[in-house]
Amino acid sequence: MIRPFDIQDFVARFHRNGNAQSFYACSFTYKGHKLQAVLFGGHEVMTHGYCAVLSDDVNQQWHGNELEPAIRVLIDKLGDEAFSGDATGSGQ
């Protein structure tokens, strides 16, 4: 099980996508790998099971279903910061 404290340098931004599905765009480090994730679903209603994890290395395969629970916890911890200019959780 991947836990939130296993993920480092976490940044997230919420993107309202007009009439289409809204999503969170995330960037983080996990086990030394710089990764990005897209999680679909709005702030009020998160759509679990809709997480894509991407790496710069196309030979690396990351399973969104393994990282999604920890990422969702980190998004919740950011709260309103994910909707503002500072979504790093640093407050700076």
PDB file of N, CA and C in Angstrom:
ATOM      1  N   MET A   1       0.838  -1.174   0.000  1.00  0.00           N
ATOM      2  CA  MET A   1       0.000   0.000   0.000  1.00  0.00           C
ATOM      3  C   MET A   1       0.886   1.242   0.000  1.00  0.00           C
ATOM      4  N   ILE A   2       0.608   2.158  -0.920  1.00  0.00           N
ATOM      5  CA  ILE A   2       1.344   3.414  -0.996  1.00  0.00           C
ATOM      6  C   ILE A   2       0.655   4.413  -0.074  1.00  0.00           C
ATOM      7  N   ARG A   3       1.439   5.005   0.818  1.00  0.00           N
ATOM      8  CA  ARG A   3       0.887   5.952   1.788  1.00  0.00           C
ATOM      9  C   ARG A   3       1.258   7.378   1.392  1.00  0.00           C
ATOM     10  N   PRO A   4       0.473   8.350   1.837  1.00  0.00           N
ATOM     11  CA  PRO A   4       0.751   9.747   1.448  1.00  0.00           C
ATOM     12  C   PRO A   4       2.173  10.196   1.754  1.00  0.00           C
ATOM     13  N   PHE A   5       2.755   9.739   2.874  1.00  0.00           N
ATOM     14  CA  PHE A   5       4.110  10.196   3.190  1.00  0.00           C
ATOM     15  C   PHE A   5       5.168   9.542   2.305  1.00  0.00           C
ATOM     16  N   ASP A   6       4.787   8.569   1.466  1.00  0.00           N
ATOM     17  CA  ASP A   6       5.708   7.992   0.488  1.00  0.00           C
ATOM     18  C   ASP A   6       5.895   8.912  -0.722  1.00  0.00           C
ATOM     19  N   ILE A   7       4.984   9.860  -0.879  1.00  0.00           N
ATOM     20  CA  ILE A   7       4.996  10.786  -2.014  1.00  0.00           C
ATOM     21  C   ILE A   7       5.612  12.102  -1.563  1.00  0.00           C
ATOM     22  N   GLN A   8       6.556  12.599  -2.353  1.00  0.00           N
ATOM     23  CA  GLN A   8       7.266  13.832  -2.009  1.00  0.00           C
ATOM     24  C   GLN A   8       7.026  14.898  -3.072  1.00  0.00           C
ATOM     25  N   ASP A   9       7.325  16.155  -2.712  1.00  0.00           N
ATOM     26  CA  ASP A   9       7.252  17.295  -3.649  1.00  0.00           C
ATOM     27  C   ASP A   9       5.891  17.378  -4.345  1.00  0.00           C
ATOM     28  N   PHE A  10       4.831  17.152  -3.607  1.00  0.00           N
ATOM     29  CA  PHE A  10       3.489  17.083  -4.187  1.00  0.00           C
ATOM     30  C   PHE A  10       2.930  18.481  -4.488  1.00  0.00           C
ATOM     31  N   VAL A  11       2.453  18.639  -5.723  1.00  0.00           N
ATOM     32  CA  VAL A  11       1.807  19.864  -6.177  1.00  0.00           C
ATOM     33  C   VAL A  11       0.551  19.448  -6.934  1.00  0.00           C
ATOM     34  N   ALA A  12      -0.553  20.178  -6.735  1.00  0.00           N
ATOM     35  CA  ALA A  12      -1.798  19.852  -7.446  1.00  0.00           C
ATOM     36  C   ALA A  12      -2.536  21.125  -7.810  1.00  0.00           C
ATOM     37  N   ARG A  13      -3.186  21.099  -8.951  1.00  0.00           N
ATOM     38  CA  ARG A  13      -4.042  22.195  -9.398  1.00  0.00           C
ATOM     39  C   ARG A  13      -5.355  21.592  -9.897  1.00  0.00           C
ATOM     40  N   PHE A  14      -6.433  22.257  -9.557  1.00  0.00           N
ATOM     41  CA  PHE A  14      -7.748  21.840 -10.039  1.00  0.00           C
ATOM     42  C   PHE A  14      -8.055  22.606 -11.319  1.00  0.00           C
ATOM     43  N   HIS A  15      -8.591  21.905 -12.312  1.00  0.00           N
ATOM     44  CA  HIS A  15      -8.961  22.518 -13.585  1.00  0.00           C
ATOM     45  C   HIS A  15     -10.430  22.245 -13.868  1.00  0.00           C
ATOM     46  N   ARG A  16     -11.216  23.321 -13.849  1.00  0.00           N
ATOM     47  CA  ARG A  16     -12.626  23.195 -14.230  1.00  0.00           C
ATOM     48  C   ARG A  16     -12.641  23.218 -15.744  1.00  0.00           C
ATOM     49  N   ASN A  17     -13.257  22.251 -16.336  1.00  0.00           N
ATOM     50  CA  ASN A  17     -13.155  22.036 -17.774  1.00  0.00           C
ATOM     51  C   ASN A  17     -14.472  22.340 -18.480  1.00  0.00           C
ATOM     52  N   GLY A  18     -15.080  23.471 -18.159  1.00  0.00           N
ATOM     53  CA  GLY A  18     -16.325  23.861 -18.829  1.00  0.00           C
ATOM     54  C   GLY A  18     -17.395  22.802 -18.663  1.00  0.00           C
ATOM     55  N   ASN A  19     -17.951  22.352 -19.767  1.00  0.00           N
ATOM     56  CA  ASN A  19     -18.992  21.327 -19.743  1.00  0.00           C
ATOM     57  C   ASN A  19     -18.427  19.911 -19.686  1.00  0.00           C
ATOM     58  N   ALA A  20     -17.123  19.784 -19.833  1.00  0.00           N
ATOM     59  CA  ALA A  20     -16.489  18.460 -19.807  1.00  0.00           C
ATOM     60  C   ALA A  20     -16.087  18.100 -18.369  1.00  0.00           C
ATOM     61  N   GLN A  21     -15.488  16.960 -18.200  1.00  0.00           N
ATOM     62  CA  GLN A  21     -15.074  16.464 -16.884  1.00  0.00           C
ATOM     63  C   GLN A  21     -13.957  17.320 -16.308  1.00  0.00           C
ATOM     64  N   SER A  22     -14.117  17.787 -15.073  1.00  0.00           N
ATOM     65  CA  SER A  22     -13.063  18.528 -14.383  1.00  0.00           C
ATOM     66  C   SER A  22     -12.015  17.546 -13.872  1.00  0.00           C
ATOM     67  N   PHE A  23     -10.810  18.069 -13.584  1.00  0.00           N
ATOM     68  CA  PHE A  23      -9.738  17.168 -13.161  1.00  0.00           C
ATOM     69  C   PHE A  23      -8.709  17.901 -12.319  1.00  0.00           C
ATOM     70  N   TYR A  24      -7.897  17.124 -11.611  1.00  0.00           N
ATOM     71  CA  TYR A  24      -6.731  17.620 -10.895  1.00  0.00           C
ATOM     72  C   TYR A  24      -5.495  17.217 -11.680  1.00  0.00           C
ATOM     73  N   ALA A  25      -4.579  18.160 -11.882  1.00  0.00           N
ATOM     74  CA  ALA A  25      -3.280  17.866 -12.475  1.00  0.00           C
ATOM     75  C   ALA A  25      -2.263  17.906 -11.328  1.00  0.00           C
ATOM     76  N   CYS A  26      -1.509  16.837 -11.175  1.00  0.00           N
ATOM     77  CA  CYS A  26      -0.584  16.710 -10.044  1.00  0.00           C
ATOM     78  C   CYS A  26       0.822  16.402 -10.540  1.00  0.00           C
ATOM     79  N   SER A  27       1.786  16.826  -9.757  1.00  0.00           N
ATOM     80  CA  SER A  27       3.185  16.508 -10.007  1.00  0.00           C
ATOM     81  C   SER A  27       3.791  16.106  -8.667  1.00  0.00           C
ATOM     82  N   PHE A  28       4.643  15.077  -8.678  1.00  0.00           N
ATOM     83  CA  PHE A  28       5.215  14.584  -7.427  1.00  0.00           C
ATOM     84  C   PHE A  28       6.388  13.670  -7.706  1.00  0.00           C
ATOM     85  N   THR A  29       7.083  13.309  -6.629  1.00  0.00           N
ATOM     86  CA  THR A  29       8.189  12.362  -6.705  1.00  0.00           C
ATOM     87  C   THR A  29       7.805  11.128  -5.894  1.00  0.00           C
ATOM     88  N   TYR A  30       8.033   9.973  -6.489  1.00  0.00           N
ATOM     89  CA  TYR A  30       7.772   8.708  -5.798  1.00  0.00           C
ATOM     90  C   TYR A  30       8.918   7.753  -6.107  1.00  0.00           C
ATOM     91  N   LYS A  31       9.582   7.296  -5.054  1.00  0.00           N
ATOM     92  CA  LYS A  31      10.739   6.397  -5.188  1.00  0.00           C
ATOM     93  C   LYS A  31      11.785   6.959  -6.149  1.00  0.00           C
ATOM     94  N   GLY A  32      12.006   8.277  -6.050  1.00  0.00           N
ATOM     95  CA  GLY A  32      13.017   8.926  -6.874  1.00  0.00           C
ATOM     96  C   GLY A  32      12.587   9.240  -8.297  1.00  0.00           C
ATOM     97  N   HIS A  33      11.369   8.905  -8.673  1.00  0.00           N
ATOM     98  CA  HIS A  33      10.867   9.157 -10.022  1.00  0.00           C
ATOM     99  C   HIS A  33       9.956  10.372 -10.016  1.00  0.00           C
ATOM    100  N   LYS A  34      10.188  11.296 -10.948  1.00  0.00           N
ATOM    101  CA  LYS A  34       9.307  12.445 -11.125  1.00  0.00           C
ATOM    102  C   LYS A  34       8.107  11.981 -11.947  1.00  0.00           C
ATOM    103  N   LEU A  35       6.920  12.134 -11.377  1.00  0.00           N
ATOM    104  CA  LEU A  35       5.708  11.646 -12.020  1.00  0.00           C
ATOM    105  C   LEU A  35       4.654  12.743 -12.077  1.00  0.00           C
ATOM    106  N   GLN A  36       3.699  12.558 -12.966  1.00  0.00           N
ATOM    107  CA  GLN A  36       2.539  13.416 -13.055  1.00  0.00           C
ATOM    108  C   GLN A  36       1.310  12.526 -12.992  1.00  0.00           C
ATOM    109  N   ALA A  37       0.227  13.099 -12.488  1.00  0.00           N
ATOM    110  CA  ALA A  37      -1.026  12.344 -12.439  1.00  0.00           C
ATOM    111  C   ALA A  37      -2.169  13.258 -12.833  1.00  0.00           C
ATOM    112  N   VAL A  38      -3.162  12.664 -13.461  1.00  0.00           N
ATOM    113  CA  VAL A  38      -4.423  13.341 -13.759  1.00  0.00           C
ATOM    114  C   VAL A  38      -5.503  12.541 -13.061  1.00  0.00           C
ATOM    115  N   LEU A  39      -6.247  13.215 -12.176  1.00  0.00           N
ATOM    116  CA  LEU A  39      -7.341  12.582 -11.442  1.00  0.00           C
ATOM    117  C   LEU A  39      -8.622  13.296 -11.812  1.00  0.00           C
ATOM    118  N   PHE A  40      -9.564  12.560 -12.331  1.00  0.00           N
ATOM    119  CA  PHE A  40     -10.815  13.156 -12.769  1.00  0.00           C
ATOM    120  C   PHE A  40     -11.815  13.213 -11.626  1.00  0.00           C
ATOM    121  N   GLY A  41     -12.618  14.255 -11.648  1.00  0.00           N
ATOM    122  CA  GLY A  41     -13.645  14.465 -10.638  1.00  0.00           C
ATOM    123  C   GLY A  41     -13.461  15.815  -9.984  1.00  0.00           C
ATOM    124  N   GLY A  42     -14.568  16.416  -9.606  1.00  0.00           N
ATOM    125  CA  GLY A  42     -14.540  17.735  -8.997  1.00  0.00           C
ATOM    126  C   GLY A  42     -14.198  17.687  -7.526  1.00  0.00           C
ATOM    127  N   HIS A  43     -14.108  18.862  -6.925  1.00  0.00           N
ATOM    128  CA  HIS A  43     -13.750  18.993  -5.508  1.00  0.00           C
ATOM    129  C   HIS A  43     -14.815  18.361  -4.622  1.00  0.00           C
ATOM    130  N   GLU A  44     -16.080  18.577  -4.955  1.00  0.00           N
ATOM    131  CA  GLU A  44     -17.157  18.042  -4.128  1.00  0.00           C
ATOM    132  C   GLU A  44     -17.367  16.544  -4.351  1.00  0.00           C
ATOM    133  N   VAL A  45     -17.218  16.124  -5.583  1.00  0.00           N
ATOM    134  CA  VAL A  45     -17.448  14.712  -5.921  1.00  0.00           C
ATOM    135  C   VAL A  45     -16.229  14.182  -6.656  1.00  0.00           C
ATOM    136  N   MET A  46     -15.404  13.430  -5.963  1.00  0.00           N
ATOM    137  CA  MET A  46     -14.239  12.835  -6.617  1.00  0.00           C
ATOM    138  C   MET A  46     -14.656  11.511  -7.248  1.00  0.00           C
ATOM    139  N   THR A  47     -14.218  11.305  -8.467  1.00  0.00           N
ATOM    140  CA  THR A  47     -14.550  10.103  -9.209  1.00  0.00           C
ATOM    141  C   THR A  47     -13.420   9.098  -9.023  1.00  0.00           C
ATOM    142  N   HIS A  48     -13.562   8.211  -8.066  1.00  0.00           N
ATOM    143  CA  HIS A  48     -12.508   7.238  -7.794  1.00  0.00           C
ATOM    144  C   HIS A  48     -12.404   6.241  -8.943  1.00  0.00           C
ATOM    145  N   GLY A  49     -11.187   5.827  -9.211  1.00  0.00           N
ATOM    146  CA  GLY A  49     -10.952   4.887 -10.294  1.00  0.00           C
ATOM    147  C   GLY A  49     -10.597   5.560 -11.603  1.00  0.00           C
ATOM    148  N   TYR A  50     -10.485   6.879 -11.588  1.00  0.00           N
ATOM    149  CA  TYR A  50     -10.135   7.616 -12.793  1.00  0.00           C
ATOM    150  C   TYR A  50      -8.849   8.390 -12.548  1.00  0.00           C
ATOM    151  N   CYS A  51      -7.750   7.657 -12.493  1.00  0.00           N
ATOM    152  CA  CYS A  51      -6.442   8.250 -12.223  1.00  0.00           C
ATOM    153  C   CYS A  51      -5.437   7.710 -13.238  1.00  0.00           C
ATOM    154  N   ALA A  52      -4.764   8.619 -13.921  1.00  0.00           N
ATOM    155  CA  ALA A  52      -3.697   8.234 -14.844  1.00  0.00           C
ATOM    156  C   ALA A  52      -2.387   8.790 -14.298  1.00  0.00           C
ATOM    157  N   VAL A  53      -1.367   7.951 -14.213  1.00  0.00           N
ATOM    158  CA  VAL A  53      -0.050   8.371 -13.739  1.00  0.00           C
ATOM    159  C   VAL A  53       0.910   8.301 -14.918  1.00  0.00           C
ATOM    160  N   LEU A  54       1.652   9.387 -15.116  1.00  0.00           N
ATOM    161  CA  LEU A  54       2.537   9.515 -16.266  1.00  0.00           C
ATOM    162  C   LEU A  54       3.960   9.761 -15.818  1.00  0.00           C
ATOM    163  N   SER A  55       4.901   9.269 -16.623  1.00  0.00           N
ATOM    164  CA  SER A  55       6.324   9.462 -16.375  1.00  0.00           C
ATOM    165  C   SER A  55       6.970   9.955 -17.658  1.00  0.00           C
ATOM    166  N   ASP A  56       8.090  10.658 -17.531  1.00  0.00           N
ATOM    167  CA  ASP A  56       8.830  11.072 -18.716  1.00  0.00           C
ATOM    168  C   ASP A  56       9.416   9.867 -19.451  1.00  0.00           C
ATOM    169  N   ASP A  57       9.635   8.792 -18.729  1.00  0.00           N
ATOM    170  CA  ASP A  57      10.184   7.562 -19.299  1.00  0.00           C
ATOM    171  C   ASP A  57       9.021   6.666 -19.718  1.00  0.00           C
ATOM    172  N   VAL A  58       8.808   6.533 -21.030  1.00  0.00           N
ATOM    173  CA  VAL A  58       7.673   5.751 -21.518  1.00  0.00           C
ATOM    174  C   VAL A  58       7.808   4.258 -21.199  1.00  0.00           C
ATOM    175  N   ASN A  59       8.994   3.821 -20.797  1.00  0.00           N
ATOM    176  CA  ASN A  59       9.181   2.417 -20.431  1.00  0.00           C
ATOM    177  C   ASN A  59       8.773   2.131 -18.990  1.00  0.00           C
ATOM    178  N   GLN A  60       8.536   3.188 -18.212  1.00  0.00           N
ATOM    179  CA  GLN A  60       8.088   3.022 -16.833  1.00  0.00           C
ATOM    180  C   GLN A  60       6.574   2.933 -16.817  1.00  0.00           C
ATOM    181  N   GLN A  61       6.049   1.935 -16.164  1.00  0.00           N
ATOM    182  CA  GLN A  61       4.601   1.788 -16.045  1.00  0.00           C
ATOM    183  C   GLN A  61       4.198   1.989 -14.593  1.00  0.00           C
ATOM    184  N   TRP A  62       3.302   2.932 -14.378  1.00  0.00           N
ATOM    185  CA  TRP A  62       2.795   3.238 -13.048  1.00  0.00           C
ATOM    186  C   TRP A  62       1.296   3.017 -13.057  1.00  0.00           C
ATOM    187  N   HIS A  63       0.812   2.326 -12.069  1.00  0.00           N
ATOM    188  CA  HIS A  63      -0.612   2.016 -12.001  1.00  0.00           C
ATOM    189  C   HIS A  63      -1.329   3.068 -11.162  1.00  0.00           C
ATOM    190  N   GLY A  64      -2.240   3.788 -11.803  1.00  0.00           N
ATOM    191  CA  GLY A  64      -2.981   4.829 -11.116  1.00  0.00           C
ATOM    192  C   GLY A  64      -3.758   4.320  -9.922  1.00  0.00           C
ATOM    193  N   ASN A  65      -4.279   3.100 -10.030  1.00  0.00           N
ATOM    194  CA  ASN A  65      -5.083   2.560  -8.922  1.00  0.00           C
ATOM    195  C   ASN A  65      -4.242   2.311  -7.673  1.00  0.00           C
ATOM    196  N   GLU A  66      -2.930   2.169  -7.822  1.00  0.00           N
ATOM    197  CA  GLU A  66      -2.059   1.977  -6.663  1.00  0.00           C
ATOM    198  C   GLU A  66      -1.716   3.315  -5.988  1.00  0.00           C
ATOM    199  N   LEU A  67      -1.589   4.379  -6.772  1.00  0.00           N
ATOM    200  CA  LEU A  67      -1.215   5.685  -6.241  1.00  0.00           C
ATOM    201  C   LEU A  67      -2.416   6.558  -5.894  1.00  0.00           C
ATOM    202  N   GLU A  68      -3.553   6.299  -6.493  1.00  0.00           N
ATOM    203  CA  GLU A  68      -4.719   7.174  -6.337  1.00  0.00           C
ATOM    204  C   GLU A  68      -5.124   7.442  -4.889  1.00  0.00           C
ATOM    205  N   PRO A  69      -5.253   6.438  -4.014  1.00  0.00           N
ATOM    206  CA  PRO A  69      -5.684   6.746  -2.642  1.00  0.00           C
ATOM    207  C   PRO A  69      -4.768   7.740  -1.922  1.00  0.00           C
ATOM    208  N   ALA A  70      -3.466   7.590  -2.058  1.00  0.00           N
ATOM    209  CA  ALA A  70      -2.526   8.508  -1.413  1.00  0.00           C
ATOM    210  C   ALA A  70      -2.609   9.897  -2.033  1.00  0.00           C
ATOM    211  N   ILE A  71      -2.762   9.962  -3.344  1.00  0.00           N
ATOM    212  CA  ILE A  71      -2.868  11.258  -4.017  1.00  0.00           C
ATOM    213  C   ILE A  71      -4.137  11.978  -3.573  1.00  0.00           C
ATOM    214  N   ARG A  72      -5.233  11.260  -3.460  1.00  0.00           N
ATOM    215  CA  ARG A  72      -6.499  11.882  -3.024  1.00  0.00           C
ATOM    216  C   ARG A  72      -6.373  12.440  -1.602  1.00  0.00           C
ATOM    217  N   VAL A  73      -5.670  11.733  -0.721  1.00  0.00           N
ATOM    218  CA  VAL A  73      -5.450  12.237   0.639  1.00  0.00           C
ATOM    219  C   VAL A  73      -4.653  13.538   0.583  1.00  0.00           C
ATOM    220  N   LEU A  74      -3.617  13.584  -0.248  1.00  0.00           N
ATOM    221  CA  LEU A  74      -2.799  14.788  -0.352  1.00  0.00           C
ATOM    222  C   LEU A  74      -3.591  15.959  -0.946  1.00  0.00           C
ATOM    223  N   ILE A  75      -4.459  15.686  -1.907  1.00  0.00           N
ATOM    224  CA  ILE A  75      -5.322  16.739  -2.451  1.00  0.00           C
ATOM    225  C   ILE A  75      -6.241  17.272  -1.359  1.00  0.00           C
ATOM    226  N   ASP A  76      -6.821  16.381  -0.568  1.00  0.00           N
ATOM    227  CA  ASP A  76      -7.681  16.817   0.537  1.00  0.00           C
ATOM    228  C   ASP A  76      -6.913  17.687   1.526  1.00  0.00           C
ATOM    229  N   LYS A  77      -5.655  17.334   1.801  1.00  0.00           N
ATOM    230  CA  LYS A  77      -4.844  18.124   2.731  1.00  0.00           C
ATOM    231  C   LYS A  77      -4.556  19.516   2.179  1.00  0.00           C
ATOM    232  N   LEU A  78      -4.411  19.623   0.856  1.00  0.00           N
ATOM    233  CA  LEU A  78      -4.188  20.938   0.263  1.00  0.00           C
ATOM    234  C   LEU A  78      -5.427  21.816   0.398  1.00  0.00           C
ATOM    235  N   GLY A  79      -6.593  21.209   0.370  1.00  0.00           N
ATOM    236  CA  GLY A  79      -7.841  21.962   0.495  1.00  0.00           C
ATOM    237  C   GLY A  79      -7.965  23.017  -0.582  1.00  0.00           C
ATOM    238  N   ASP A  80      -8.270  24.236  -0.157  1.00  0.00           N
ATOM    239  CA  ASP A  80      -8.498  25.334  -1.098  1.00  0.00           C
ATOM    240  C   ASP A  80      -7.235  25.752  -1.846  1.00  0.00           C
ATOM    241  N   GLU A  81      -6.067  25.354  -1.370  1.00  0.00           N
ATOM    242  CA  GLU A  81      -4.828  25.705  -2.067  1.00  0.00           C
ATOM    243  C   GLU A  81      -4.795  25.121  -3.473  1.00  0.00           C
ATOM    244  N   ALA A  82      -5.460  23.982  -3.690  1.00  0.00           N
ATOM    245  CA  ALA A  82      -5.475  23.369  -5.014  1.00  0.00           C
ATOM    246  C   ALA A  82      -6.222  24.237  -6.021  1.00  0.00           C
ATOM    247  N   PHE A  83      -7.000  25.205  -5.514  1.00  0.00           N
ATOM    248  CA  PHE A  83      -7.768  26.090  -6.390  1.00  0.00           C
ATOM    249  C   PHE A  83      -7.126  27.464  -6.522  1.00  0.00           C
ATOM    250  N   SER A  84      -6.035  27.703  -5.772  1.00  0.00           N
ATOM    251  CA  SER A  84      -5.409  29.021  -5.760  1.00  0.00           C
ATOM    252  C   SER A  84      -4.070  28.977  -6.485  1.00  0.00           C
ATOM    253  N   GLY A  85      -3.331  30.064  -6.372  1.00  0.00           N
ATOM    254  CA  GLY A  85      -2.028  30.154  -7.014  1.00  0.00           C
ATOM    255  C   GLY A  85      -0.955  29.327  -6.331  1.00  0.00           C
ATOM    256  N   ASP A  86      -1.168  28.935  -5.069  1.00  0.00           N
ATOM    257  CA  ASP A  86      -0.160  28.164  -4.343  1.00  0.00           C
ATOM    258  C   ASP A  86      -0.738  26.805  -3.972  1.00  0.00           C
ATOM    259  N   ALA A  87      -0.413  25.804  -4.755  1.00  0.00           N
ATOM    260  CA  ALA A  87      -0.927  24.470  -4.502  1.00  0.00           C
ATOM    261  C   ALA A  87       0.187  23.525  -4.069  1.00  0.00           C
ATOM    262  N   THR A  88       1.223  24.061  -3.470  1.00  0.00           N
ATOM    263  CA  THR A  88       2.344  23.232  -3.047  1.00  0.00           C
ATOM    264  C   THR A  88       2.211  22.788  -1.612  1.00  0.00           C
ATOM    265  N   GLY A  89       1.292  23.415  -0.875  1.00  0.00           N
ATOM    266  CA  GLY A  89       1.164  23.102   0.531  1.00  0.00           C
ATOM    267  C   GLY A  89       2.196  23.818   1.375  1.00  0.00           C
ATOM    268  N   SER A  90       3.003  24.667   0.738  1.00  0.00           N
ATOM    269  CA  SER A  90       4.064  25.372   1.453  1.00  0.00           C
ATOM    270  C   SER A  90       3.578  26.675   2.051  1.00  0.00           C
ATOM    271  N   GLY A  91       2.541  27.270   1.468  1.00  0.00           N
ATOM    272  CA  GLY A  91       2.037  28.544   1.955  1.00  0.00           C
ATOM    273  C   GLY A  91       2.933  29.720   1.626  1.00  0.00           C
ATOM    274  N   GLN A  92       3.931  29.501   0.793  1.00  0.00           N
ATOM    275  CA  GLN A  92       4.852  30.585   0.438  1.00  0.00           C
ATOM    276  C   GLN A  92       4.499  31.160  -0.903  1.00  0.00           C
TER     277      GLN A  92
END
